[in-house]
Amino acid sequence: VIPYKNWPALVAYYLGLFAVIPMLGILLGIAAFILGIAGLRKRKQHPAVKGAVHAWIGIICGAFFAALWILLLVGMIASHG
């Protein structure tokens, strides 16, 4: 089911999935995390609106991949400096 009435959750979902892209995933992951939270808030304010699962996937994938790419970037910088 696509949460067409909860666009922040839907966008968070796709950004969270595309956050797997190296380095670009930092920005996509952060955006997915923020929009996922916005999607959950919208769901809480309007119980008829769906999209909680999409929002959670955006939050989890976004946080994971953003942290992963940041840690790898810091590690690469530290190993060369």
PDB file of N, CA and C in Angstrom:
ATOM      1  N   VAL A   1       0.846  -1.176   0.000  1.00  0.00           N
ATOM      2  CA  VAL A   1       0.000   0.000   0.000  1.00  0.00           C
ATOM      3  C   VAL A   1       0.892   1.240   0.000  1.00  0.00           C
ATOM      4  N   ILE A   2       0.693   2.106  -0.957  1.00  0.00           N
ATOM      5  CA  ILE A   2       1.484   3.334  -1.057  1.00  0.00           C
ATOM      6  C   ILE A   2       0.773   4.432  -0.267  1.00  0.00           C
ATOM      7  N   PRO A   3       1.468   5.052   0.690  1.00  0.00           N
ATOM      8  CA  PRO A   3       0.840   6.097   1.526  1.00  0.00           C
ATOM      9  C   PRO A   3       0.769   7.435   0.785  1.00  0.00           C
ATOM     10  N   TYR A   4      -0.160   7.529  -0.181  1.00  0.00           N
ATOM     11  CA  TYR A   4      -0.233   8.720  -1.014  1.00  0.00           C
ATOM     12  C   TYR A   4      -0.650   9.973  -0.250  1.00  0.00           C
ATOM     13  N   LYS A   5      -1.233   9.821   0.921  1.00  0.00           N
ATOM     14  CA  LYS A   5      -1.624  10.989   1.723  1.00  0.00           C
ATOM     15  C   LYS A   5      -0.532  11.398   2.702  1.00  0.00           C
ATOM     16  N   ASN A   6       0.559  10.652   2.724  1.00  0.00           N
ATOM     17  CA  ASN A   6       1.652  10.938   3.638  1.00  0.00           C
ATOM     18  C   ASN A   6       2.947  11.000   2.823  1.00  0.00           C
ATOM     19  N   TRP A   7       3.120  12.098   2.075  1.00  0.00           N
ATOM     20  CA  TRP A   7       4.279  12.205   1.195  1.00  0.00           C
ATOM     21  C   TRP A   7       5.602  12.206   1.946  1.00  0.00           C
ATOM     22  N   PRO A   8       5.717  12.774   3.178  1.00  0.00           N
ATOM     23  CA  PRO A   8       7.020  12.696   3.858  1.00  0.00           C
ATOM     24  C   PRO A   8       7.462  11.251   4.114  1.00  0.00           C
ATOM     25  N   ALA A   9       6.519  10.382   4.475  1.00  0.00           N
ATOM     26  CA  ALA A   9       6.847   8.979   4.717  1.00  0.00           C
ATOM     27  C   ALA A   9       7.268   8.296   3.422  1.00  0.00           C
ATOM     28  N   LEU A  10       6.585   8.574   2.345  1.00  0.00           N
ATOM     29  CA  LEU A  10       6.905   7.960   1.060  1.00  0.00           C
ATOM     30  C   LEU A  10       8.276   8.417   0.555  1.00  0.00           C
ATOM     31  N   VAL A  11       8.546   9.701   0.637  1.00  0.00           N
ATOM     32  CA  VAL A  11       9.842  10.222   0.192  1.00  0.00           C
ATOM     33  C   VAL A  11      10.950   9.691   1.106  1.00  0.00           C
ATOM     34  N   ALA A  12      10.692   9.618   2.408  1.00  0.00           N
ATOM     35  CA  ALA A  12      11.677   9.069   3.346  1.00  0.00           C
ATOM     36  C   ALA A  12      12.026   7.636   2.975  1.00  0.00           C
ATOM     37  N   TYR A  13      11.044   6.863   2.604  1.00  0.00           N
ATOM     38  CA  TYR A  13      11.252   5.473   2.206  1.00  0.00           C
ATOM     39  C   TYR A  13      12.226   5.381   1.027  1.00  0.00           C
ATOM     40  N   TYR A  14      11.955   6.140  -0.022  1.00  0.00           N
ATOM     41  CA  TYR A  14      12.810   6.071  -1.204  1.00  0.00           C
ATOM     42  C   TYR A  14      14.196   6.650  -0.939  1.00  0.00           C
ATOM     43  N   LEU A  15      14.267   7.752  -0.200  1.00  0.00           N
ATOM     44  CA  LEU A  15      15.576   8.311   0.127  1.00  0.00           C
ATOM     45  C   LEU A  15      16.379   7.342   0.991  1.00  0.00           C
ATOM     46  N   GLY A  16      15.707   6.669   1.919  1.00  0.00           N
ATOM     47  CA  GLY A  16      16.379   5.687   2.758  1.00  0.00           C
ATOM     48  C   GLY A  16      16.938   4.541   1.951  1.00  0.00           C
ATOM     49  N   LEU A  17      16.203   4.102   0.940  1.00  0.00           N
ATOM     50  CA  LEU A  17      16.698   3.025   0.080  1.00  0.00           C
ATOM     51  C   LEU A  17      17.858   3.498  -0.793  1.00  0.00           C
ATOM     52  N   PHE A  18      17.761   4.705  -1.324  1.00  0.00           N
ATOM     53  CA  PHE A  18      18.830   5.224  -2.181  1.00  0.00           C
ATOM     54  C   PHE A  18      20.036   5.724  -1.383  1.00  0.00           C
ATOM     55  N   ALA A  19      19.924   5.768  -0.072  1.00  0.00           N
ATOM     56  CA  ALA A  19      21.057   6.165   0.770  1.00  0.00           C
ATOM     57  C   ALA A  19      22.174   5.128   0.736  1.00  0.00           C
ATOM     58  N   VAL A  20      21.936   4.005   0.100  1.00  0.00           N
ATOM     59  CA  VAL A  20      22.953   2.975  -0.065  1.00  0.00           C
ATOM     60  C   VAL A  20      24.056   3.450  -1.027  1.00  0.00           C
ATOM     61  N   ILE A  21      23.799   4.494  -1.801  1.00  0.00           N
ATOM     62  CA  ILE A  21      24.768   5.035  -2.753  1.00  0.00           C
ATOM     63  C   ILE A  21      25.914   5.678  -1.965  1.00  0.00           C
ATOM     64  N   PRO A  22      27.149   5.245  -2.221  1.00  0.00           N
ATOM     65  CA  PRO A  22      28.291   5.789  -1.475  1.00  0.00           C
ATOM     66  C   PRO A  22      28.368   7.314  -1.542  1.00  0.00           C
ATOM     67  N   MET A  23      28.708   7.905  -0.434  1.00  0.00           N
ATOM     68  CA  MET A  23      28.902   9.333  -0.208  1.00  0.00           C
ATOM     69  C   MET A  23      27.626  10.160  -0.405  1.00  0.00           C
ATOM     70  N   LEU A  24      26.920   9.986  -1.492  1.00  0.00           N
ATOM     71  CA  LEU A  24      25.644  10.677  -1.682  1.00  0.00           C
ATOM     72  C   LEU A  24      24.666  10.231  -0.603  1.00  0.00           C
ATOM     73  N   GLY A  25      24.877   9.027  -0.092  1.00  0.00           N
ATOM     74  CA  GLY A  25      24.018   8.468   0.943  1.00  0.00           C
ATOM     75  C   GLY A  25      24.022   9.251   2.241  1.00  0.00           C
ATOM     76  N   ILE A  26      25.067  10.038   2.474  1.00  0.00           N
ATOM     77  CA  ILE A  26      25.092  10.863   3.689  1.00  0.00           C
ATOM     78  C   ILE A  26      23.924  11.844   3.648  1.00  0.00           C
ATOM     79  N   LEU A  27      23.832  12.587   2.561  1.00  0.00           N
ATOM     80  CA  LEU A  27      22.756  13.585   2.432  1.00  0.00           C
ATOM     81  C   LEU A  27      21.386  12.925   2.316  1.00  0.00           C
ATOM     82  N   LEU A  28      21.311  11.864   1.518  1.00  0.00           N
ATOM     83  CA  LEU A  28      20.033  11.172   1.357  1.00  0.00           C
ATOM     84  C   LEU A  28      19.581  10.551   2.670  1.00  0.00           C
ATOM     85  N   GLY A  29      20.517   9.994   3.427  1.00  0.00           N
ATOM     86  CA  GLY A  29      20.190   9.376   4.705  1.00  0.00           C
ATOM     87  C   GLY A  29      19.670  10.378   5.721  1.00  0.00           C
ATOM     88  N   ILE A  30      20.325  11.525   5.788  1.00  0.00           N
ATOM     89  CA  ILE A  30      19.877  12.565   6.721  1.00  0.00           C
ATOM     90  C   ILE A  30      18.483  13.050   6.341  1.00  0.00           C
ATOM     91  N   ALA A  31      18.258  13.269   5.054  1.00  0.00           N
ATOM     92  CA  ALA A  31      16.936  13.711   4.587  1.00  0.00           C
ATOM     93  C   ALA A  31      15.879  12.641   4.869  1.00  0.00           C
ATOM     94  N   ALA A  32      16.227  11.369   4.652  1.00  0.00           N
ATOM     95  CA  ALA A  32      15.285  10.277   4.920  1.00  0.00           C
ATOM     96  C   ALA A  32      14.923  10.228   6.398  1.00  0.00           C
ATOM     97  N   PHE A  33      15.904  10.416   7.262  1.00  0.00           N
ATOM     98  CA  PHE A  33      15.667  10.410   8.704  1.00  0.00           C
ATOM     99  C   PHE A  33      14.697  11.524   9.097  1.00  0.00           C
ATOM    100  N   ILE A  34      14.955  12.727   8.619  1.00  0.00           N
ATOM    101  CA  ILE A  34      14.114  13.886   8.960  1.00  0.00           C
ATOM    102  C   ILE A  34      12.698  13.714   8.412  1.00  0.00           C
ATOM    103  N   LEU A  35      12.586  13.307   7.161  1.00  0.00           N
ATOM    104  CA  LEU A  35      11.261  13.127   6.558  1.00  0.00           C
ATOM    105  C   LEU A  35      10.517  11.945   7.175  1.00  0.00           C
ATOM    106  N   GLY A  36      11.250  10.919   7.600  1.00  0.00           N
ATOM    107  CA  GLY A  36      10.620   9.793   8.284  1.00  0.00           C
ATOM    108  C   GLY A  36       9.965  10.226   9.576  1.00  0.00           C
ATOM    109  N   ILE A  37      10.657  11.060  10.324  1.00  0.00           N
ATOM    110  CA  ILE A  37      10.075  11.594  11.570  1.00  0.00           C
ATOM    111  C   ILE A  37       8.851  12.450  11.255  1.00  0.00           C
ATOM    112  N   ALA A  38       8.951  13.271  10.206  1.00  0.00           N
ATOM    113  CA  ALA A  38       7.800  14.090   9.804  1.00  0.00           C
ATOM    114  C   ALA A  38       6.620  13.205   9.397  1.00  0.00           C
ATOM    115  N   GLY A  39       6.908  12.104   8.717  1.00  0.00           N
ATOM    116  CA  GLY A  39       5.849  11.166   8.320  1.00  0.00           C
ATOM    117  C   GLY A  39       5.177  10.523   9.518  1.00  0.00           C
ATOM    118  N   LEU A  40       5.965  10.170  10.530  1.00  0.00           N
ATOM    119  CA  LEU A  40       5.375   9.597  11.750  1.00  0.00           C
ATOM    120  C   LEU A  40       4.510  10.617  12.489  1.00  0.00           C
ATOM    121  N   ARG A  41       4.978  11.857  12.515  1.00  0.00           N
ATOM    122  CA  ARG A  41       4.181  12.917  13.155  1.00  0.00           C
ATOM    123  C   ARG A  41       2.852  13.125  12.426  1.00  0.00           C
ATOM    124  N   LYS A  42       2.905  13.122  11.110  1.00  0.00           N
ATOM    125  CA  LYS A  42       1.672  13.286  10.333  1.00  0.00           C
ATOM    126  C   LYS A  42       0.717  12.128  10.609  1.00  0.00           C
ATOM    127  N   ARG A  43       1.260  10.920  10.688  1.00  0.00           N
ATOM    128  CA  ARG A  43       0.456   9.724  10.992  1.00  0.00           C
ATOM    129  C   ARG A  43      -0.181   9.840  12.367  1.00  0.00           C
ATOM    130  N   LYS A  44       0.578  10.367  13.328  1.00  0.00           N
ATOM    131  CA  LYS A  44       0.066  10.517  14.692  1.00  0.00           C
ATOM    132  C   LYS A  44      -1.053  11.571  14.745  1.00  0.00           C
ATOM    133  N   GLN A  45      -0.895  12.651  13.995  1.00  0.00           N
ATOM    134  CA  GLN A  45      -1.892  13.715  13.987  1.00  0.00           C
ATOM    135  C   GLN A  45      -3.160  13.322  13.235  1.00  0.00           C
ATOM    136  N   HIS A  46      -3.009  12.476  12.222  1.00  0.00           N
ATOM    137  CA  HIS A  46      -4.136  12.064  11.387  1.00  0.00           C
ATOM    138  C   HIS A  46      -4.135  10.537  11.288  1.00  0.00           C
ATOM    139  N   PRO A  47      -4.785   9.849  12.205  1.00  0.00           N
ATOM    140  CA  PRO A  47      -4.754   8.373  12.232  1.00  0.00           C
ATOM    141  C   PRO A  47      -5.244   7.698  10.947  1.00  0.00           C
ATOM    142  N   ALA A  48      -6.049   8.378  10.150  1.00  0.00           N
ATOM    143  CA  ALA A  48      -6.526   7.780   8.899  1.00  0.00           C
ATOM    144  C   ALA A  48      -5.426   7.719   7.845  1.00  0.00           C
ATOM    145  N   VAL A  49      -4.389   8.535   8.019  1.00  0.00           N
ATOM    146  CA  VAL A  49      -3.273   8.568   7.072  1.00  0.00           C
ATOM    147  C   VAL A  49      -2.361   7.377   7.349  1.00  0.00           C
ATOM    148  N   LYS A  50      -1.977   6.686   6.308  1.00  0.00           N
ATOM    149  CA  LYS A  50      -1.093   5.524   6.433  1.00  0.00           C
ATOM    150  C   LYS A  50       0.354   5.957   6.223  1.00  0.00           C
ATOM    151  N   GLY A  51       1.269   5.022   6.344  1.00  0.00           N
ATOM    152  CA  GLY A  51       2.661   5.312   6.015  1.00  0.00           C
ATOM    153  C   GLY A  51       3.647   5.125   7.143  1.00  0.00           C
ATOM    154  N   ALA A  52       3.217   4.565   8.264  1.00  0.00           N
ATOM    155  CA  ALA A  52       4.132   4.392   9.391  1.00  0.00           C
ATOM    156  C   ALA A  52       5.298   3.477   9.021  1.00  0.00           C
ATOM    157  N   VAL A  53       5.032   2.407   8.296  1.00  0.00           N
ATOM    158  CA  VAL A  53       6.102   1.472   7.926  1.00  0.00           C
ATOM    159  C   VAL A  53       7.083   2.151   6.963  1.00  0.00           C
ATOM    160  N   HIS A  54       6.573   2.888   6.008  1.00  0.00           N
ATOM    161  CA  HIS A  54       7.447   3.607   5.084  1.00  0.00           C
ATOM    162  C   HIS A  54       8.319   4.605   5.849  1.00  0.00           C
ATOM    163  N   ALA A  55       7.718   5.303   6.805  1.00  0.00           N
ATOM    164  CA  ALA A  55       8.464   6.270   7.608  1.00  0.00           C
ATOM    165  C   ALA A  55       9.562   5.575   8.404  1.00  0.00           C
ATOM    166  N   TRP A  56       9.241   4.456   9.032  1.00  0.00           N
ATOM    167  CA  TRP A  56      10.234   3.728   9.822  1.00  0.00           C
ATOM    168  C   TRP A  56      11.368   3.195   8.956  1.00  0.00           C
ATOM    169  N   ILE A  57      11.059   2.712   7.778  1.00  0.00           N
ATOM    170  CA  ILE A  57      12.115   2.245   6.877  1.00  0.00           C
ATOM    171  C   ILE A  57      13.025   3.409   6.503  1.00  0.00           C
ATOM    172  N   GLY A  58      12.448   4.569   6.236  1.00  0.00           N
ATOM    173  CA  GLY A  58      13.249   5.760   5.943  1.00  0.00           C
ATOM    174  C   GLY A  58      14.131   6.160   7.111  1.00  0.00           C
ATOM    175  N   ILE A  59      13.584   6.108   8.319  1.00  0.00           N
ATOM    176  CA  ILE A  59      14.349   6.479   9.509  1.00  0.00           C
ATOM    177  C   ILE A  59      15.502   5.500   9.730  1.00  0.00           C
ATOM    178  N   ILE A  60      15.201   4.223   9.700  1.00  0.00           N
ATOM    179  CA  ILE A  60      16.219   3.209  10.003  1.00  0.00           C
ATOM    180  C   ILE A  60      17.294   3.157   8.920  1.00  0.00           C
ATOM    181  N   CYS A  61      16.879   3.057   7.659  1.00  0.00           N
ATOM    182  CA  CYS A  61      17.856   2.997   6.565  1.00  0.00           C
ATOM    183  C   CYS A  61      18.630   4.311   6.453  1.00  0.00           C
ATOM    184  N   GLY A  62      17.929   5.415   6.602  1.00  0.00           N
ATOM    185  CA  GLY A  62      18.596   6.719   6.517  1.00  0.00           C
ATOM    186  C   GLY A  62      19.651   6.889   7.593  1.00  0.00           C
ATOM    187  N   ALA A  63      19.311   6.565   8.827  1.00  0.00           N
ATOM    188  CA  ALA A  63      20.277   6.696   9.927  1.00  0.00           C
ATOM    189  C   ALA A  63      21.445   5.730   9.738  1.00  0.00           C
ATOM    190  N   PHE A  64      21.145   4.502   9.360  1.00  0.00           N
ATOM    191  CA  PHE A  64      22.191   3.497   9.198  1.00  0.00           C
ATOM    192  C   PHE A  64      23.184   3.887   8.109  1.00  0.00           C
ATOM    193  N   PHE A  65      22.678   4.199   6.922  1.00  0.00           N
ATOM    194  CA  PHE A  65      23.575   4.490   5.812  1.00  0.00           C
ATOM    195  C   PHE A  65      24.297   5.824   5.978  1.00  0.00           C
ATOM    196  N   ALA A  66      23.635   6.831   6.537  1.00  0.00           N
ATOM    197  CA  ALA A  66      24.320   8.101   6.791  1.00  0.00           C
ATOM    198  C   ALA A  66      25.471   7.873   7.766  1.00  0.00           C
ATOM    199  N   ALA A  67      25.213   7.132   8.839  1.00  0.00           N
ATOM    200  CA  ALA A  67      26.272   6.846   9.811  1.00  0.00           C
ATOM    201  C   ALA A  67      27.388   6.022   9.181  1.00  0.00           C
ATOM    202  N   LEU A  68      27.030   5.031   8.376  1.00  0.00           N
ATOM    203  CA  LEU A  68      28.025   4.191   7.718  1.00  0.00           C
ATOM    204  C   LEU A  68      28.941   5.014   6.828  1.00  0.00           C
ATOM    205  N   TRP A  69      28.364   5.845   5.969  1.00  0.00           N
ATOM    206  CA  TRP A  69      29.177   6.635   5.044  1.00  0.00           C
ATOM    207  C   TRP A  69      29.999   7.684   5.788  1.00  0.00           C
ATOM    208  N   ILE A  70      29.458   8.252   6.849  1.00  0.00           N
ATOM    209  CA  ILE A  70      30.231   9.218   7.642  1.00  0.00           C
ATOM    210  C   ILE A  70      31.419   8.519   8.292  1.00  0.00           C
ATOM    211  N   LEU A  71      31.191   7.359   8.889  1.00  0.00           N
ATOM    212  CA  LEU A  71      32.288   6.620   9.528  1.00  0.00           C
ATOM    213  C   LEU A  71      33.348   6.208   8.506  1.00  0.00           C
ATOM    214  N   LEU A  72      32.926   5.738   7.355  1.00  0.00           N
ATOM    215  CA  LEU A  72      33.901   5.374   6.316  1.00  0.00           C
ATOM    216  C   LEU A  72      34.679   6.592   5.814  1.00  0.00           C
ATOM    217  N   LEU A  73      34.000   7.703   5.665  1.00  0.00           N
ATOM    218  CA  LEU A  73      34.665   8.929   5.226  1.00  0.00           C
ATOM    219  C   LEU A  73      35.682   9.404   6.263  1.00  0.00           C
ATOM    220  N   VAL A  74      35.299   9.399   7.518  1.00  0.00           N
ATOM    221  CA  VAL A  74      36.207   9.796   8.605  1.00  0.00           C
ATOM    222  C   VAL A  74      37.392   8.835   8.667  1.00  0.00           C
ATOM    223  N   GLY A  75      37.123   7.549   8.502  1.00  0.00           N
ATOM    224  CA  GLY A  75      38.208   6.560   8.503  1.00  0.00           C
ATOM    225  C   GLY A  75      39.185   6.775   7.359  1.00  0.00           C
ATOM    226  N   MET A  76      38.660   7.084   6.190  1.00  0.00           N
ATOM    227  CA  MET A  76      39.534   7.332   5.044  1.00  0.00           C
ATOM    228  C   MET A  76      40.378   8.584   5.264  1.00  0.00           C
ATOM    229  N   ILE A  77      39.766   9.624   5.802  1.00  0.00           N
ATOM    230  CA  ILE A  77      40.490  10.869   6.058  1.00  0.00           C
ATOM    231  C   ILE A  77      41.561  10.635   7.127  1.00  0.00           C
ATOM    232  N   ALA A  78      41.209   9.920   8.176  1.00  0.00           N
ATOM    233  CA  ALA A  78      42.157   9.650   9.269  1.00  0.00           C
ATOM    234  C   ALA A  78      43.330   8.794   8.788  1.00  0.00           C
ATOM    235  N   SER A  79      43.089   7.869   7.895  1.00  0.00           N
ATOM    236  CA  SER A  79      44.164   6.988   7.439  1.00  0.00           C
ATOM    237  C   SER A  79      45.119   7.704   6.480  1.00  0.00           C
ATOM    238  N   HIS A  80      44.676   8.791   5.889  1.00  0.00           N
ATOM    239  CA  HIS A  80      45.538   9.536   4.958  1.00  0.00           C
ATOM    240  C   HIS A  80      46.199  10.739   5.624  1.00  0.00           C
ATOM    241  N   GLY A  81      45.756  11.072   6.817  1.00  0.00           N
ATOM    242  CA  GLY A  81      46.251  12.290   7.461  1.00  0.00           C
ATOM    243  C   GLY A  81      47.208  11.994   8.505  1.00  0.00           C
TER     244      GLY A  81
END
